């Protein structure tokens, strides 16, 4: 997508091309900015792979709001086989951890 600085790579095959934002059953996007794709796992199973890039932690309020939006977005999808990855711009001693 033009102007997007996120990408997704996997050694496991994608079921389809990665998509921008999560989608409702009618195909309309919702939630925070992220990239997602279904991975085809051995044995016929699949997993949802989501990558997300958090803003810098200073000021902390902005990052907190974005993290909450991410959690809210994921409440509306099946997370039983979810892999959440990305650049969270957090350190082990940060409040967000």
PDB file of N, CA and C in Angstrom:
ATOM      1  N   UNK A   1       0.856  -1.177   0.000  1.00  0.00           N
ATOM      2  CA  UNK A   1       0.000   0.000   0.000  1.00  0.00           C
ATOM      3  C   UNK A   1       0.895   1.230   0.000  1.00  0.00           C
ATOM      4  N   UNK A   2       0.640   2.221  -0.847  1.00  0.00           N
ATOM      5  CA  UNK A   2       1.492   3.416  -0.898  1.00  0.00           C
ATOM      6  C   UNK A   2       1.560   4.127   0.453  1.00  0.00           C
ATOM      7  N   UNK A   3       2.767   4.485   0.865  1.00  0.00           N
ATOM      8  CA  UNK A   3       2.958   5.199   2.117  1.00  0.00           C
ATOM      9  C   UNK A   3       2.998   4.299   3.340  1.00  0.00           C
ATOM     10  N   UNK A   4       2.826   3.001   3.167  1.00  0.00           N
ATOM     11  CA  UNK A   4       2.826   2.068   4.288  1.00  0.00           C
ATOM     12  C   UNK A   4       4.243   1.627   4.573  1.00  0.00           C
ATOM     13  N   UNK A   5       4.623   1.605   5.850  1.00  0.00           N
ATOM     14  CA  UNK A   5       5.983   1.182   6.197  1.00  0.00           C
ATOM     15  C   UNK A   5       5.991  -0.176   6.880  1.00  0.00           C
ATOM     16  N   UNK A   6       4.928  -0.965   6.732  1.00  0.00           N
ATOM     17  CA  UNK A   6       4.869  -2.291   7.319  1.00  0.00           C
ATOM     18  C   UNK A   6       4.943  -3.336   6.209  1.00  0.00           C
ATOM     19  N   UNK A   7       5.564  -4.459   6.524  1.00  0.00           N
ATOM     20  CA  UNK A   7       5.642  -5.583   5.588  1.00  0.00           C
ATOM     21  C   UNK A   7       5.543  -6.873   6.384  1.00  0.00           C
ATOM     22  N   UNK A   8       5.210  -7.949   5.705  1.00  0.00           N
ATOM     23  CA  UNK A   8       5.075  -9.237   6.362  1.00  0.00           C
ATOM     24  C   UNK A   8       5.798 -10.287   5.530  1.00  0.00           C
ATOM     25  N   UNK A   9       6.653 -11.039   6.200  1.00  0.00           N
ATOM     26  CA  UNK A   9       7.385 -12.126   5.564  1.00  0.00           C
ATOM     27  C   UNK A   9       7.184 -13.379   6.398  1.00  0.00           C
ATOM     28  N   UNK A  10       7.148 -14.532   5.741  1.00  0.00           N
ATOM     29  CA  UNK A  10       6.973 -15.784   6.465  1.00  0.00           C
ATOM     30  C   UNK A  10       7.594 -16.923   5.669  1.00  0.00           C
ATOM     31  N   UNK A  11       8.197 -17.850   6.387  1.00  0.00           N
ATOM     32  CA  UNK A  11       8.677 -19.075   5.744  1.00  0.00           C
ATOM     33  C   UNK A  11       7.533 -20.040   5.510  1.00  0.00           C
ATOM     34  N   UNK A  12       6.445 -19.845   6.252  1.00  0.00           N
ATOM     35  CA  UNK A  12       5.239 -20.649   6.089  1.00  0.00           C
ATOM     36  C   UNK A  12       4.374 -19.972   5.032  1.00  0.00           C
ATOM     37  N   UNK A  13       3.754 -20.775   4.180  1.00  0.00           N
ATOM     38  CA  UNK A  13       2.973 -20.229   3.068  1.00  0.00           C
ATOM     39  C   UNK A  13       1.727 -19.479   3.548  1.00  0.00           C
ATOM     40  N   UNK A  14       1.448 -18.357   2.909  1.00  0.00           N
ATOM     41  CA  UNK A  14       0.228 -17.591   3.167  1.00  0.00           C
ATOM     42  C   UNK A  14      -0.949 -18.245   2.446  1.00  0.00           C
ATOM     43  N   UNK A  15      -2.135 -18.206   3.047  1.00  0.00           N
ATOM     44  CA  UNK A  15      -3.350 -18.669   2.382  1.00  0.00           C
ATOM     45  C   UNK A  15      -3.737 -17.690   1.279  1.00  0.00           C
ATOM     46  N   UNK A  16      -3.397 -16.426   1.466  1.00  0.00           N
ATOM     47  CA  UNK A  16      -3.710 -15.366   0.512  1.00  0.00           C
ATOM     48  C   UNK A  16      -2.726 -14.236   0.761  1.00  0.00           C
ATOM     49  N   UNK A  17      -2.747 -13.220  -0.051  1.00  0.00           N
ATOM     50  CA  UNK A  17      -1.861 -12.073   0.149  1.00  0.00           C
ATOM     51  C   UNK A  17      -2.178 -11.385   1.474  1.00  0.00           C
ATOM     52  N   UNK A  18      -1.163 -10.887   2.181  1.00  0.00           N
ATOM     53  CA  UNK A  18      -1.423 -10.116   3.404  1.00  0.00           C
ATOM     54  C   UNK A  18      -2.333  -8.925   3.112  1.00  0.00           C
ATOM     55  N   UNK A  19      -3.146  -8.579   4.095  1.00  0.00           N
ATOM     56  CA  UNK A  19      -4.132  -7.492   3.928  1.00  0.00           C
ATOM     57  C   UNK A  19      -3.899  -6.386   4.940  1.00  0.00           C
ATOM     58  N   UNK A  20      -4.343  -5.196   4.576  1.00  0.00           N
ATOM     59  CA  UNK A  20      -4.278  -4.004   5.405  1.00  0.00           C
ATOM     60  C   UNK A  20      -5.534  -3.939   6.249  1.00  0.00           C
ATOM     61  N   UNK A  21      -5.423  -3.840   7.531  1.00  0.00           N
ATOM     62  CA  UNK A  21      -6.510  -3.782   8.511  1.00  0.00           C
ATOM     63  C   UNK A  21      -7.307  -5.072   8.547  1.00  0.00           C
ATOM     64  N   UNK A  22      -7.910  -5.345   9.673  1.00  0.00           N
ATOM     65  CA  UNK A  22      -8.786  -6.503   9.814  1.00  0.00           C
ATOM     66  C   UNK A  22     -10.081  -6.229   9.060  1.00  0.00           C
ATOM     67  N   UNK A  23     -10.794  -7.277   8.693  1.00  0.00           N
ATOM     68  CA  UNK A  23     -12.010  -7.129   7.888  1.00  0.00           C
ATOM     69  C   UNK A  23     -13.192  -7.824   8.560  1.00  0.00           C
ATOM     70  N   UNK A  24     -14.349  -7.177   8.443  1.00  0.00           N
ATOM     71  CA  UNK A  24     -15.590  -7.794   8.903  1.00  0.00           C
ATOM     72  C   UNK A  24     -16.029  -8.832   7.875  1.00  0.00           C
ATOM     73  N   UNK A  25     -17.071  -9.575   8.178  1.00  0.00           N
ATOM     74  CA  UNK A  25     -17.564 -10.592   7.247  1.00  0.00           C
ATOM     75  C   UNK A  25     -17.977  -9.989   5.914  1.00  0.00           C
ATOM     76  N   UNK A  26     -18.434  -8.732   5.920  1.00  0.00           N
ATOM     77  CA  UNK A  26     -18.834  -8.090   4.672  1.00  0.00           C
ATOM     78  C   UNK A  26     -17.642  -7.486   3.920  1.00  0.00           C
ATOM     79  N   UNK A  27     -16.425  -7.664   4.463  1.00  0.00           N
ATOM     80  CA  UNK A  27     -15.220  -7.173   3.792  1.00  0.00           C
ATOM     81  C   UNK A  27     -14.800  -5.769   4.179  1.00  0.00           C
ATOM     82  N   UNK A  28     -15.591  -5.083   5.010  1.00  0.00           N
ATOM     83  CA  UNK A  28     -15.243  -3.716   5.401  1.00  0.00           C
ATOM     84  C   UNK A  28     -14.149  -3.728   6.468  1.00  0.00           C
ATOM     85  N   UNK A  29     -13.144  -2.837   6.321  1.00  0.00           N
ATOM     86  CA  UNK A  29     -12.061  -2.802   7.304  1.00  0.00           C
ATOM     87  C   UNK A  29     -12.516  -2.196   8.629  1.00  0.00           C
ATOM     88  N   UNK A  30     -11.868  -2.632   9.716  1.00  0.00           N
ATOM     89  CA  UNK A  30     -12.147  -2.053  11.029  1.00  0.00           C
ATOM     90  C   UNK A  30     -10.876  -2.114  11.863  1.00  0.00           C
ATOM     91  N   UNK A  31     -10.872  -1.374  12.947  1.00  0.00           N
ATOM     92  CA  UNK A  31      -9.771  -1.435  13.903  1.00  0.00           C
ATOM     93  C   UNK A  31      -8.574  -0.591  13.524  1.00  0.00           C
ATOM     94  N   UNK A  32      -7.494  -0.837  14.241  1.00  0.00           N
ATOM     95  CA  UNK A  32      -6.274  -0.062  14.092  1.00  0.00           C
ATOM     96  C   UNK A  32      -5.478  -0.509  12.865  1.00  0.00           C
ATOM     97  N   UNK A  33      -4.510   0.294  12.482  1.00  0.00           N
ATOM     98  CA  UNK A  33      -3.664  -0.010  11.328  1.00  0.00           C
ATOM     99  C   UNK A  33      -2.750  -1.189  11.642  1.00  0.00           C
ATOM    100  N   UNK A  34      -2.822  -2.222  10.813  1.00  0.00           N
ATOM    101  CA  UNK A  34      -1.975  -3.405  10.948  1.00  0.00           C
ATOM    102  C   UNK A  34      -2.027  -4.186   9.645  1.00  0.00           C
ATOM    103  N   UNK A  35      -1.169  -5.180   9.524  1.00  0.00           N
ATOM    104  CA  UNK A  35      -1.205  -6.083   8.376  1.00  0.00           C
ATOM    105  C   UNK A  35      -1.461  -7.482   8.921  1.00  0.00           C
ATOM    106  N   UNK A  36      -2.267  -8.251   8.215  1.00  0.00           N
ATOM    107  CA  UNK A  36      -2.590  -9.598   8.668  1.00  0.00           C
ATOM    108  C   UNK A  36      -2.687 -10.550   7.491  1.00  0.00           C
ATOM    109  N   UNK A  37      -2.508 -11.818   7.801  1.00  0.00           N
ATOM    110  CA  UNK A  37      -2.666 -12.871   6.798  1.00  0.00           C
ATOM    111  C   UNK A  37      -2.908 -14.191   7.511  1.00  0.00           C
ATOM    112  N   UNK A  38      -3.530 -15.108   6.798  1.00  0.00           N
ATOM    113  CA  UNK A  38      -3.688 -16.472   7.313  1.00  0.00           C
ATOM    114  C   UNK A  38      -2.507 -17.287   6.807  1.00  0.00           C
ATOM    115  N   UNK A  39      -1.898 -18.042   7.715  1.00  0.00           N
ATOM    116  CA  UNK A  39      -0.813 -18.954   7.364  1.00  0.00           C
ATOM    117  C   UNK A  39      -1.372 -20.355   7.217  1.00  0.00           C
ATOM    118  N   UNK A  40      -0.890 -21.087   6.220  1.00  0.00           N
ATOM    119  CA  UNK A  40      -1.275 -22.486   6.034  1.00  0.00           C
ATOM    120  C   UNK A  40      -0.280 -23.357   6.767  1.00  0.00           C
ATOM    121  N   UNK A  41      -0.714 -23.960   7.854  1.00  0.00           N
ATOM    122  CA  UNK A  41       0.160 -24.784   8.681  1.00  0.00           C
ATOM    123  C   UNK A  41       0.119 -26.239   8.235  1.00  0.00           C
ATOM    124  N   UNK A  42       1.153 -27.004   8.552  1.00  0.00           N
ATOM    125  CA  UNK A  42       1.137 -28.435   8.227  1.00  0.00           C
ATOM    126  C   UNK A  42      -0.074 -29.114   8.877  1.00  0.00           C
ATOM    127  N   UNK A  43      -0.622 -30.091   8.205  1.00  0.00           N
ATOM    128  CA  UNK A  43      -1.774 -30.801   8.741  1.00  0.00           C
ATOM    129  C   UNK A  43      -3.099 -30.148   8.412  1.00  0.00           C
ATOM    130  N   UNK A  44      -3.084 -29.123   7.565  1.00  0.00           N
ATOM    131  CA  UNK A  44      -4.326 -28.493   7.140  1.00  0.00           C
ATOM    132  C   UNK A  44      -4.862 -27.406   8.055  1.00  0.00           C
ATOM    133  N   UNK A  45      -4.181 -27.119   9.145  1.00  0.00           N
ATOM    134  CA  UNK A  45      -4.622 -26.045  10.040  1.00  0.00           C
ATOM    135  C   UNK A  45      -4.121 -24.710   9.513  1.00  0.00           C
ATOM    136  N   UNK A  46      -4.691 -23.644  10.045  1.00  0.00           N
ATOM    137  CA  UNK A  46      -4.182 -22.317   9.703  1.00  0.00           C
ATOM    138  C   UNK A  46      -4.043 -21.492  10.972  1.00  0.00           C
ATOM    139  N   UNK A  47      -3.331 -20.393  10.851  1.00  0.00           N
ATOM    140  CA  UNK A  47      -3.132 -19.467  11.966  1.00  0.00           C
ATOM    141  C   UNK A  47      -3.256 -18.050  11.432  1.00  0.00           C
ATOM    142  N   UNK A  48      -3.698 -17.158  12.274  1.00  0.00           N
ATOM    143  CA  UNK A  48      -3.792 -15.746  11.923  1.00  0.00           C
ATOM    144  C   UNK A  48      -2.496 -15.069  12.354  1.00  0.00           C
ATOM    145  N   UNK A  49      -1.780 -14.493  11.396  1.00  0.00           N
ATOM    146  CA  UNK A  49      -0.547 -13.759  11.669  1.00  0.00           C
ATOM    147  C   UNK A  49      -0.851 -12.275  11.543  1.00  0.00           C
ATOM    148  N   UNK A  50      -0.575 -11.521  12.603  1.00  0.00           N
ATOM    149  CA  UNK A  50      -0.823 -10.079  12.634  1.00  0.00           C
ATOM    150  C   UNK A  50       0.485  -9.378  12.962  1.00  0.00           C
ATOM    151  N   UNK A  51       0.826  -8.339  12.193  1.00  0.00           N
ATOM    152  CA  UNK A  51       1.983  -7.520  12.516  1.00  0.00           C
ATOM    153  C   UNK A  51       1.521  -6.087  12.729  1.00  0.00           C
ATOM    154  N   UNK A  52       2.095  -5.463  13.749  1.00  0.00           N
ATOM    155  CA  UNK A  52       1.653  -4.137  14.180  1.00  0.00           C
ATOM    156  C   UNK A  52       2.872  -3.322  14.569  1.00  0.00           C
ATOM    157  N   UNK A  53       2.852  -2.044  14.291  1.00  0.00           N
ATOM    158  CA  UNK A  53       3.962  -1.153  14.634  1.00  0.00           C
ATOM    159  C   UNK A  53       3.443  -0.069  15.573  1.00  0.00           C
ATOM    160  N   UNK A  54       3.928  -0.095  16.798  1.00  0.00           N
ATOM    161  CA  UNK A  54       3.521   0.900  17.795  1.00  0.00           C
ATOM    162  C   UNK A  54       4.292   2.198  17.591  1.00  0.00           C
ATOM    163  N   UNK A  55       3.689   3.323  17.957  1.00  0.00           N
ATOM    164  CA  UNK A  55       4.423   4.594  17.901  1.00  0.00           C
ATOM    165  C   UNK A  55       5.472   4.636  19.011  1.00  0.00           C
ATOM    166  N   UNK A  56       6.343   5.601  18.950  1.00  0.00           N
ATOM    167  CA  UNK A  56       7.354   5.781  20.002  1.00  0.00           C
ATOM    168  C   UNK A  56       6.666   5.969  21.341  1.00  0.00           C
ATOM    169  N   UNK A  57       7.275   5.516  22.425  1.00  0.00           N
ATOM    170  CA  UNK A  57       6.634   5.570  23.737  1.00  0.00           C
ATOM    171  C   UNK A  57       6.623   6.948  24.391  1.00  0.00           C
ATOM    172  N   UNK A  58       7.176   7.942  23.752  1.00  0.00           N
ATOM    173  CA  UNK A  58       7.177   9.284  24.336  1.00  0.00           C
ATOM    174  C   UNK A  58       6.424  10.210  23.387  1.00  0.00           C
ATOM    175  N   UNK A  59       5.334  10.851  23.791  1.00  0.00           N
ATOM    176  CA  UNK A  59       4.712  10.722  25.105  1.00  0.00           C
ATOM    177  C   UNK A  59       3.993   9.378  25.244  1.00  0.00           C
ATOM    178  N   UNK A  60       3.967   8.844  26.435  1.00  0.00           N
ATOM    179  CA  UNK A  60       3.409   7.528  26.699  1.00  0.00           C
ATOM    180  C   UNK A  60       1.926   7.396  26.414  1.00  0.00           C
ATOM    181  N   UNK A  61       1.194   8.475  26.518  1.00  0.00           N
ATOM    182  CA  UNK A  61      -0.254   8.432  26.328  1.00  0.00           C
ATOM    183  C   UNK A  61      -0.606   7.962  24.919  1.00  0.00           C
ATOM    184  N   UNK A  62       0.105   8.461  23.899  1.00  0.00           N
ATOM    185  CA  UNK A  62      -0.188   8.087  22.512  1.00  0.00           C
ATOM    186  C   UNK A  62      -0.043   6.582  22.306  1.00  0.00           C
ATOM    187  N   UNK A  63       1.024   5.997  22.836  1.00  0.00           N
ATOM    188  CA  UNK A  63       1.249   4.575  22.671  1.00  0.00           C
ATOM    189  C   UNK A  63       0.188   3.765  23.421  1.00  0.00           C
ATOM    190  N   UNK A  64      -0.209   4.236  24.591  1.00  0.00           N
ATOM    191  CA  UNK A  64      -1.233   3.546  25.368  1.00  0.00           C
ATOM    192  C   UNK A  64      -2.547   3.479  24.579  1.00  0.00           C
ATOM    193  N   UNK A  65      -2.933   4.573  23.960  1.00  0.00           N
ATOM    194  CA  UNK A  65      -4.167   4.613  23.168  1.00  0.00           C
ATOM    195  C   UNK A  65      -4.073   3.630  22.003  1.00  0.00           C
ATOM    196  N   UNK A  66      -2.943   3.595  21.313  1.00  0.00           N
ATOM    197  CA  UNK A  66      -2.767   2.681  20.179  1.00  0.00           C
ATOM    198  C   UNK A  66      -2.806   1.222  20.632  1.00  0.00           C
ATOM    199  N   UNK A  67      -2.200   0.913  21.779  1.00  0.00           N
ATOM    200  CA  UNK A  67      -2.243  -0.454  22.293  1.00  0.00           C
ATOM    201  C   UNK A  67      -3.680  -0.863  22.615  1.00  0.00           C
ATOM    202  N   UNK A  68      -4.437   0.037  23.194  1.00  0.00           N
ATOM    203  CA  UNK A  68      -5.843  -0.256  23.509  1.00  0.00           C
ATOM    204  C   UNK A  68      -6.650  -0.506  22.229  1.00  0.00           C
ATOM    205  N   UNK A  69      -6.369   0.281  21.184  1.00  0.00           N
ATOM    206  CA  UNK A  69      -7.058   0.080  19.906  1.00  0.00           C
ATOM    207  C   UNK A  69      -6.714  -1.284  19.309  1.00  0.00           C
ATOM    208  N   UNK A  70      -5.467  -1.708  19.469  1.00  0.00           N
ATOM    209  CA  UNK A  70      -5.068  -3.024  18.983  1.00  0.00           C
ATOM    210  C   UNK A  70      -5.851  -4.115  19.710  1.00  0.00           C
ATOM    211  N   UNK A  71      -5.915  -4.026  21.036  1.00  0.00           N
ATOM    212  CA  UNK A  71      -6.655  -5.017  21.827  1.00  0.00           C
ATOM    213  C   UNK A  71      -8.124  -5.023  21.429  1.00  0.00           C
ATOM    214  N   UNK A  72      -8.721  -3.862  21.270  1.00  0.00           N
ATOM    215  CA  UNK A  72     -10.127  -3.782  20.868  1.00  0.00           C
ATOM    216  C   UNK A  72     -10.339  -4.417  19.502  1.00  0.00           C
ATOM    217  N   UNK A  73      -9.416  -4.199  18.576  1.00  0.00           N
ATOM    218  CA  UNK A  73      -9.531  -4.788  17.238  1.00  0.00           C
ATOM    219  C   UNK A  73      -9.502  -6.305  17.306  1.00  0.00           C
ATOM    220  N   UNK A  74      -8.633  -6.856  18.128  1.00  0.00           N
ATOM    221  CA  UNK A  74      -8.469  -8.304  18.200  1.00  0.00           C
ATOM    222  C   UNK A  74      -9.613  -8.998  18.931  1.00  0.00           C
ATOM    223  N   UNK A  75     -10.436  -8.239  19.649  1.00  0.00           N
ATOM    224  CA  UNK A  75     -11.591  -8.831  20.335  1.00  0.00           C
ATOM    225  C   UNK A  75     -12.617  -9.363  19.341  1.00  0.00           C
ATOM    226  N   UNK A  76     -12.609  -8.840  18.122  1.00  0.00           N
ATOM    227  CA  UNK A  76     -13.613  -9.204  17.126  1.00  0.00           C
ATOM    228  C   UNK A  76     -13.145 -10.276  16.147  1.00  0.00           C
ATOM    229  N   UNK A  77     -12.019 -10.924  16.425  1.00  0.00           N
ATOM    230  CA  UNK A  77     -11.529 -11.992  15.547  1.00  0.00           C
ATOM    231  C   UNK A  77     -11.250 -13.244  16.379  1.00  0.00           C
ATOM    232  N   UNK A  78     -11.182 -14.368  15.692  1.00  0.00           N
ATOM    233  CA  UNK A  78     -10.857 -15.630  16.350  1.00  0.00           C
ATOM    234  C   UNK A  78      -9.369 -15.624  16.683  1.00  0.00           C
ATOM    235  N   UNK A  79      -9.037 -15.633  17.958  1.00  0.00           N
ATOM    236  CA  UNK A  79      -7.634 -15.575  18.376  1.00  0.00           C
ATOM    237  C   UNK A  79      -7.126 -16.927  18.876  1.00  0.00           C
ATOM    238  N   UNK A  80      -7.845 -18.000  18.568  1.00  0.00           N
ATOM    239  CA  UNK A  80      -7.418 -19.309  19.059  1.00  0.00           C
ATOM    240  C   UNK A  80      -6.087 -19.757  18.456  1.00  0.00           C
ATOM    241  N   UNK A  81      -5.763 -19.276  17.264  1.00  0.00           N
ATOM    242  CA  UNK A  81      -4.480 -19.579  16.618  1.00  0.00           C
ATOM    243  C   UNK A  81      -3.884 -18.274  16.097  1.00  0.00           C
ATOM    244  N   UNK A  82      -3.607 -17.355  17.008  1.00  0.00           N
ATOM    245  CA  UNK A  82      -3.114 -16.022  16.667  1.00  0.00           C
ATOM    246  C   UNK A  82      -1.624 -15.911  16.952  1.00  0.00           C
ATOM    247  N   UNK A  83      -0.907 -15.310  15.998  1.00  0.00           N
ATOM    248  CA  UNK A  83       0.491 -14.941  16.198  1.00  0.00           C
ATOM    249  C   UNK A  83       0.542 -13.429  16.031  1.00  0.00           C
ATOM    250  N   UNK A  84       0.882 -12.734  17.106  1.00  0.00           N
ATOM    251  CA  UNK A  84       0.976 -11.278  17.077  1.00  0.00           C
ATOM    252  C   UNK A  84       2.453 -10.911  17.113  1.00  0.00           C
ATOM    253  N   UNK A  85       2.910 -10.210  16.102  1.00  0.00           N
ATOM    254  CA  UNK A  85       4.314  -9.838  15.989  1.00  0.00           C
ATOM    255  C   UNK A  85       4.404  -8.372  15.582  1.00  0.00           C
ATOM    256  N   UNK A  86       5.598  -7.850  15.628  1.00  0.00           N
ATOM    257  CA  UNK A  86       5.786  -6.491  15.156  1.00  0.00           C
ATOM    258  C   UNK A  86       6.790  -5.727  15.974  1.00  0.00           C
ATOM    259  N   UNK A  87       6.802  -4.433  15.763  1.00  0.00           N
ATOM    260  CA  UNK A  87       7.683  -3.524  16.478  1.00  0.00           C
ATOM    261  C   UNK A  87       6.831  -2.798  17.510  1.00  0.00           C
ATOM    262  N   UNK A  88       6.968  -3.202  18.768  1.00  0.00           N
ATOM    263  CA  UNK A  88       6.139  -2.629  19.824  1.00  0.00           C
ATOM    264  C   UNK A  88       6.782  -1.415  20.480  1.00  0.00           C
ATOM    265  N   UNK A  89       8.004  -1.065  20.064  1.00  0.00           N
ATOM    266  CA  UNK A  89       8.706   0.083  20.625  1.00  0.00           C
ATOM    267  C   UNK A  89       8.629   0.101  22.154  1.00  0.00           C
ATOM    268  N   UNK A  90       8.910  -1.057  22.750  1.00  0.00           N
ATOM    269  CA  UNK A  90       8.896  -1.185  24.202  1.00  0.00           C
ATOM    270  C   UNK A  90      10.198  -1.794  24.686  1.00  0.00           C
ATOM    271  N   UNK A  91      10.565  -1.459  25.877  1.00  0.00           N
ATOM    272  CA  UNK A  91      11.708  -2.095  26.541  1.00  0.00           C
ATOM    273  C   UNK A  91      11.146  -2.934  27.686  1.00  0.00           C
ATOM    274  N   UNK A  92      11.894  -3.884  28.199  1.00  0.00           N
ATOM    275  CA  UNK A  92      11.391  -4.733  29.286  1.00  0.00           C
ATOM    276  C   UNK A  92      10.934  -3.935  30.516  1.00  0.00           C
ATOM    277  N   UNK A  93      11.494  -2.753  30.738  1.00  0.00           N
ATOM    278  CA  UNK A  93      11.131  -1.975  31.931  1.00  0.00           C
ATOM    279  C   UNK A  93      10.064  -0.912  31.646  1.00  0.00           C
ATOM    280  N   UNK A  94       9.527  -0.880  30.423  1.00  0.00           N
ATOM    281  CA  UNK A  94       8.510   0.119  30.075  1.00  0.00           C
ATOM    282  C   UNK A  94       7.168  -0.225  30.694  1.00  0.00           C
ATOM    283  N   UNK A  95       6.369   0.754  30.989  1.00  0.00           N
ATOM    284  CA  UNK A  95       5.035   0.543  31.561  1.00  0.00           C
ATOM    285  C   UNK A  95       4.160  -0.330  30.678  1.00  0.00           C
ATOM    286  N   UNK A  96       4.290  -0.187  29.372  1.00  0.00           N
ATOM    287  CA  UNK A  96       3.467  -0.952  28.438  1.00  0.00           C
ATOM    288  C   UNK A  96       3.706  -2.444  28.514  1.00  0.00           C
ATOM    289  N   UNK A  97       4.871  -2.858  28.993  1.00  0.00           N
ATOM    290  CA  UNK A  97       5.151  -4.291  29.118  1.00  0.00           C
ATOM    291  C   UNK A  97       4.416  -4.833  30.323  1.00  0.00           C
TER     292      UNK A  97
END
